[in-house]
PDB file of N, CA and C in Angstrom:
ATOM      1  N   MET A   1     -51.916 -78.325 -20.077  1.00  0.00           N
ATOM      2  CA  MET A   1     -51.374 -76.639 -19.972  1.00  0.00           C
ATOM      3  C   MET A   1     -49.950 -77.775 -19.648  1.00  0.00           C
ATOM      4  N   PHE A   2     -49.128 -76.313 -20.112  1.00  0.00           N
ATOM      5  CA  PHE A   2     -47.994 -76.848 -19.834  1.00  0.00           C
ATOM      6  C   PHE A   2     -47.246 -76.692 -18.609  1.00  0.00           C
ATOM      7  N   VAL A   3     -46.695 -77.426 -17.644  1.00  0.00           N
ATOM      8  CA  VAL A   3     -46.302 -77.901 -16.005  1.00  0.00           C
ATOM      9  C   VAL A   3     -45.383 -76.749 -15.780  1.00  0.00           C
ATOM     10  N   GLY A   4     -45.863 -75.629 -15.068  1.00  0.00           N
ATOM     11  CA  GLY A   4     -45.546 -74.954 -14.030  1.00  0.00           C
ATOM     12  C   GLY A   4     -45.824 -73.581 -14.970  1.00  0.00           C
ATOM     13  N   MET A   5     -46.439 -73.355 -16.107  1.00  0.00           N
ATOM     14  CA  MET A   5     -46.856 -71.805 -16.281  1.00  0.00           C
ATOM     15  C   MET A   5     -48.029 -71.638 -16.052  1.00  0.00           C
ATOM     16  N   THR A   6     -48.122 -69.914 -16.099  1.00  0.00           N
ATOM     17  CA  THR A   6     -49.506 -69.640 -15.467  1.00  0.00           C
ATOM     18  C   THR A   6     -50.406 -69.537 -16.685  1.00  0.00           C
ATOM     19  N   ASP A   7     -51.616 -69.325 -16.205  1.00  0.00           N
ATOM     20  CA  ASP A   7     -52.720 -69.182 -17.327  1.00  0.00           C
ATOM     21  C   ASP A   7     -51.914 -68.111 -18.330  1.00  0.00           C
ATOM     22  N   LYS A   8     -51.724 -67.030 -17.743  1.00  0.00           N
ATOM     23  CA  LYS A   8     -51.374 -65.632 -18.703  1.00  0.00           C
ATOM     24  C   LYS A   8     -49.840 -66.332 -19.288  1.00  0.00           C
ATOM     25  N   GLN A   9     -49.098 -66.494 -18.941  1.00  0.00           N
ATOM     26  CA  GLN A   9     -47.892 -66.752 -19.758  1.00  0.00           C
ATOM     27  C   GLN A   9     -48.099 -67.808 -20.620  1.00  0.00           C
ATOM     28  N   PHE A  10     -49.107 -68.867 -20.392  1.00  0.00           N
ATOM     29  CA  PHE A  10     -49.915 -69.873 -21.665  1.00  0.00           C
ATOM     30  C   PHE A  10     -50.014 -69.241 -22.908  1.00  0.00           C
ATOM     31  N   GLN A  11     -51.057 -68.281 -22.378  1.00  0.00           N
ATOM     32  CA  GLN A  11     -51.478 -67.005 -23.549  1.00  0.00           C
ATOM     33  C   GLN A  11     -50.522 -66.503 -23.811  1.00  0.00           C
ATOM     34  N   GLY A  12     -49.657 -65.922 -23.268  1.00  0.00           N
ATOM     35  CA  GLY A  12     -48.569 -64.981 -24.135  1.00  0.00           C
ATOM     36  C   GLY A  12     -48.105 -66.134 -25.113  1.00  0.00           C
ATOM     37  N   PHE A  13     -47.939 -66.941 -24.105  1.00  0.00           N
ATOM     38  CA  PHE A  13     -47.108 -68.093 -25.673  1.00  0.00           C
ATOM     39  C   PHE A  13     -48.047 -68.718 -26.832  1.00  0.00           C
ATOM     40  N   ILE A  14     -49.072 -68.793 -26.688  1.00  0.00           N
ATOM     41  CA  ILE A  14     -50.241 -68.849 -27.731  1.00  0.00           C
ATOM     42  C   ILE A  14     -50.104 -67.719 -29.031  1.00  0.00           C
ATOM     43  N   ARG A  15     -50.294 -66.592 -28.086  1.00  0.00           N
ATOM     44  CA  ARG A  15     -50.305 -65.301 -28.984  1.00  0.00           C
ATOM     45  C   ARG A  15     -49.419 -65.250 -29.762  1.00  0.00           C
ATOM     46  N   LEU A  16     -47.546 -65.215 -29.295  1.00  0.00           N
ATOM     47  CA  LEU A  16     -46.279 -65.597 -29.941  1.00  0.00           C
ATOM     48  C   LEU A  16     -46.804 -66.561 -31.336  1.00  0.00           C
ATOM     49  N   ALA A  17     -47.346 -67.951 -30.553  1.00  0.00           N
ATOM     50  CA  ALA A  17     -47.668 -68.462 -31.916  1.00  0.00           C
ATOM     51  C   ALA A  17     -47.995 -68.406 -33.070  1.00  0.00           C
ATOM     52  N   LEU A  18     -49.617 -67.893 -32.279  1.00  0.00           N
ATOM     53  CA  LEU A  18     -50.739 -67.911 -33.462  1.00  0.00           C
ATOM     54  C   LEU A  18     -49.731 -66.306 -34.385  1.00  0.00           C
ATOM     55  N   GLU A  19     -49.127 -64.962 -33.778  1.00  0.00           N
ATOM     56  CA  GLU A  19     -48.341 -64.294 -34.695  1.00  0.00           C
ATOM     57  C   GLU A  19     -47.787 -64.381 -35.780  1.00  0.00           C
ATOM     58  N   LEU A  20     -46.856 -65.300 -35.560  1.00  0.00           N
ATOM     59  CA  LEU A  20     -45.698 -65.830 -36.478  1.00  0.00           C
ATOM     60  C   LEU A  20     -46.568 -66.783 -37.030  1.00  0.00           C
ATOM     61  N   ILE A  21     -47.677 -68.041 -37.224  1.00  0.00           N
ATOM     62  CA  ILE A  21     -48.323 -68.947 -37.626  1.00  0.00           C
ATOM     63  C   ILE A  21     -49.006 -67.715 -39.282  1.00  0.00           C
ATOM     64  N   ASN A  22     -49.964 -66.267 -38.774  1.00  0.00           N
ATOM     65  CA  ASN A  22     -50.396 -65.175 -39.621  1.00  0.00           C
ATOM     66  C   ASN A  22     -49.432 -64.998 -39.946  1.00  0.00           C
ATOM     67  N   LYS A  23     -47.892 -65.003 -39.539  1.00  0.00           N
ATOM     68  CA  LYS A  23     -46.839 -64.048 -40.417  1.00  0.00           C
ATOM     69  C   LYS A  23     -46.635 -65.376 -42.099  1.00  0.00           C
ATOM     70  N   ALA A  24     -46.330 -66.410 -41.345  1.00  0.00           N
ATOM     71  CA  ALA A  24     -46.282 -67.320 -42.396  1.00  0.00           C
ATOM     72  C   ALA A  24     -47.566 -67.642 -43.023  1.00  0.00           C
ATOM     73  N   LEU A  25     -48.925 -67.850 -42.730  1.00  0.00           N
ATOM     74  CA  LEU A  25     -49.718 -67.806 -43.735  1.00  0.00           C
ATOM     75  C   LEU A  25     -50.049 -66.022 -44.599  1.00  0.00           C
ATOM     76  N   SER A  26     -49.976 -65.619 -44.262  1.00  0.00           N
ATOM     77  CA  SER A  26     -49.544 -64.342 -45.278  1.00  0.00           C
ATOM     78  C   SER A  26     -48.661 -64.563 -46.623  1.00  0.00           C
ATOM     79  N   LYS A  27     -47.201 -65.255 -46.589  1.00  0.00           N
ATOM     80  CA  LYS A  27     -46.344 -65.938 -47.036  1.00  0.00           C
ATOM     81  C   LYS A  27     -47.254 -66.894 -48.219  1.00  0.00           C
ATOM     82  N   SER A  28     -47.781 -67.377 -47.445  1.00  0.00           N
ATOM     83  CA  SER A  28     -48.211 -69.130 -48.114  1.00  0.00           C
ATOM     84  C   SER A  28     -49.823 -69.078 -47.783  1.00  0.00           C
ATOM     85  N   PRO A  29     -51.041 -68.501 -48.703  1.00  0.00           N
ATOM     86  CA  PRO A  29     -52.360 -68.497 -47.651  1.00  0.00           C
ATOM     87  C   PRO A  29     -53.130 -69.418 -48.113  1.00  0.00           C
ATOM     88  N   ASP A  30     -52.405 -70.406 -48.858  1.00  0.00           N
ATOM     89  CA  ASP A  30     -52.882 -72.202 -49.441  1.00  0.00           C
ATOM     90  C   ASP A  30     -52.514 -72.742 -49.008  1.00  0.00           C
ATOM     91  N   ASN A  31     -51.917 -72.116 -47.828  1.00  0.00           N
ATOM     92  CA  ASN A  31     -51.181 -73.856 -46.968  1.00  0.00           C
ATOM     93  C   ASN A  31     -52.514 -74.108 -46.067  1.00  0.00           C
ATOM     94  N   GLU A  32     -52.934 -75.533 -46.080  1.00  0.00           N
ATOM     95  CA  GLU A  32     -53.526 -75.968 -45.235  1.00  0.00           C
ATOM     96  C   GLU A  32     -53.092 -77.033 -44.162  1.00  0.00           C
ATOM     97  N   ASP A  33     -51.930 -77.236 -43.805  1.00  0.00           N
ATOM     98  CA  ASP A  33     -51.690 -76.804 -42.788  1.00  0.00           C
ATOM     99  C   ASP A  33     -51.289 -76.221 -41.745  1.00  0.00           C
ATOM    100  N   LEU A  34     -50.851 -75.438 -42.205  1.00  0.00           N
ATOM    101  CA  LEU A  34     -50.495 -74.046 -41.307  1.00  0.00           C
ATOM    102  C   LEU A  34     -52.409 -73.066 -41.000  1.00  0.00           C
ATOM    103  N   GLN A  35     -52.796 -73.413 -42.067  1.00  0.00           N
ATOM    104  CA  GLN A  35     -54.339 -72.679 -41.770  1.00  0.00           C
ATOM    105  C   GLN A  35     -54.911 -73.703 -40.151  1.00  0.00           C
ATOM    106  N   LYS A  36     -55.007 -75.316 -40.370  1.00  0.00           N
ATOM    107  CA  LYS A  36     -55.523 -75.948 -39.644  1.00  0.00           C
ATOM    108  C   LYS A  36     -54.690 -75.674 -38.040  1.00  0.00           C
ATOM    109  N   LEU A  37     -53.651 -75.121 -37.890  1.00  0.00           N
ATOM    110  CA  LEU A  37     -52.768 -75.090 -37.100  1.00  0.00           C
ATOM    111  C   LEU A  37     -52.752 -74.018 -36.277  1.00  0.00           C
ATOM    112  N   GLU A  38     -53.455 -72.735 -37.255  1.00  0.00           N
ATOM    113  CA  GLU A  38     -53.466 -71.880 -36.946  1.00  0.00           C
ATOM    114  C   GLU A  38     -55.423 -72.177 -35.797  1.00  0.00           C
ATOM    115  N   ASP A  39     -55.807 -72.355 -36.910  1.00  0.00           N
ATOM    116  CA  ASP A  39     -57.620 -72.716 -36.356  1.00  0.00           C
ATOM    117  C   ASP A  39     -57.319 -73.396 -34.391  1.00  0.00           C
ATOM    118  N   ILE A  40     -56.456 -74.430 -34.246  1.00  0.00           N
ATOM    119  CA  ILE A  40     -56.437 -75.474 -33.100  1.00  0.00           C
ATOM    120  C   ILE A  40     -55.570 -74.080 -32.245  1.00  0.00           C
ATOM    121  N   PHE A  41     -54.541 -73.581 -32.494  1.00  0.00           N
ATOM    122  CA  PHE A  41     -54.752 -72.619 -31.753  1.00  0.00           C
ATOM    123  C   PHE A  41     -55.441 -71.347 -30.851  1.00  0.00           C
ATOM    124  N   GLN A  42     -55.887 -71.187 -31.846  1.00  0.00           N
ATOM    125  CA  GLN A  42     -57.122 -69.819 -31.942  1.00  0.00           C
ATOM    126  C   GLN A  42     -57.703 -70.517 -31.129  1.00  0.00           C
ATOM    127  N   SER A  43     -57.975 -71.675 -30.995  1.00  0.00           N
ATOM    128  CA  SER A  43     -59.660 -72.335 -29.955  1.00  0.00           C
ATOM    129  C   SER A  43     -58.799 -72.659 -28.478  1.00  0.00           C
ATOM    130  N   MET A  44     -56.980 -73.001 -29.155  1.00  0.00           N
ATOM    131  CA  MET A  44     -56.883 -72.904 -27.187  1.00  0.00           C
ATOM    132  C   MET A  44     -56.461 -71.623 -26.467  1.00  0.00           C
ATOM    133  N   LEU A  45     -56.535 -70.766 -27.340  1.00  0.00           N
ATOM    134  CA  LEU A  45     -57.020 -69.028 -26.845  1.00  0.00           C
ATOM    135  C   LEU A  45     -58.016 -68.480 -26.703  1.00  0.00           C
ATOM    136  N   GLU A  46     -59.090 -69.040 -27.318  1.00  0.00           N
ATOM    137  CA  GLU A  46     -60.358 -68.704 -26.782  1.00  0.00           C
ATOM    138  C   GLU A  46     -60.478 -69.371 -25.740  1.00  0.00           C
ATOM    139  N   ASP A  47     -60.754 -70.895 -25.925  1.00  0.00           N
ATOM    140  CA  ASP A  47     -61.315 -72.272 -24.562  1.00  0.00           C
ATOM    141  C   ASP A  47     -59.901 -71.506 -23.407  1.00  0.00           C
ATOM    142  N   GLY A  48     -58.831 -70.518 -23.502  1.00  0.00           N
ATOM    143  CA  GLY A  48     -57.484 -70.239 -22.125  1.00  0.00           C
ATOM    144  C   GLY A  48     -58.787 -68.546 -21.612  1.00  0.00           C
ATOM    145  N   ASN A  49     -60.226 -68.335 -22.031  1.00  0.00           N
ATOM    146  CA  ASN A  49     -60.225 -67.098 -21.968  1.00  0.00           C
ATOM    147  C   ASN A  49     -61.461 -67.669 -20.777  1.00  0.00           C
TER     148      ASN A  49
END
């Protein structure tokens, strides 16, 4: 986890990043790098729950 961040702050950061990743994926749905990044961030969010 990021130093000095609470779990709630960390989850907020991940949710924000996921929102931006999903927006980018809607424009480029075949982008494999974005798909992998979405999977990683989604697993980080699930692990934090």
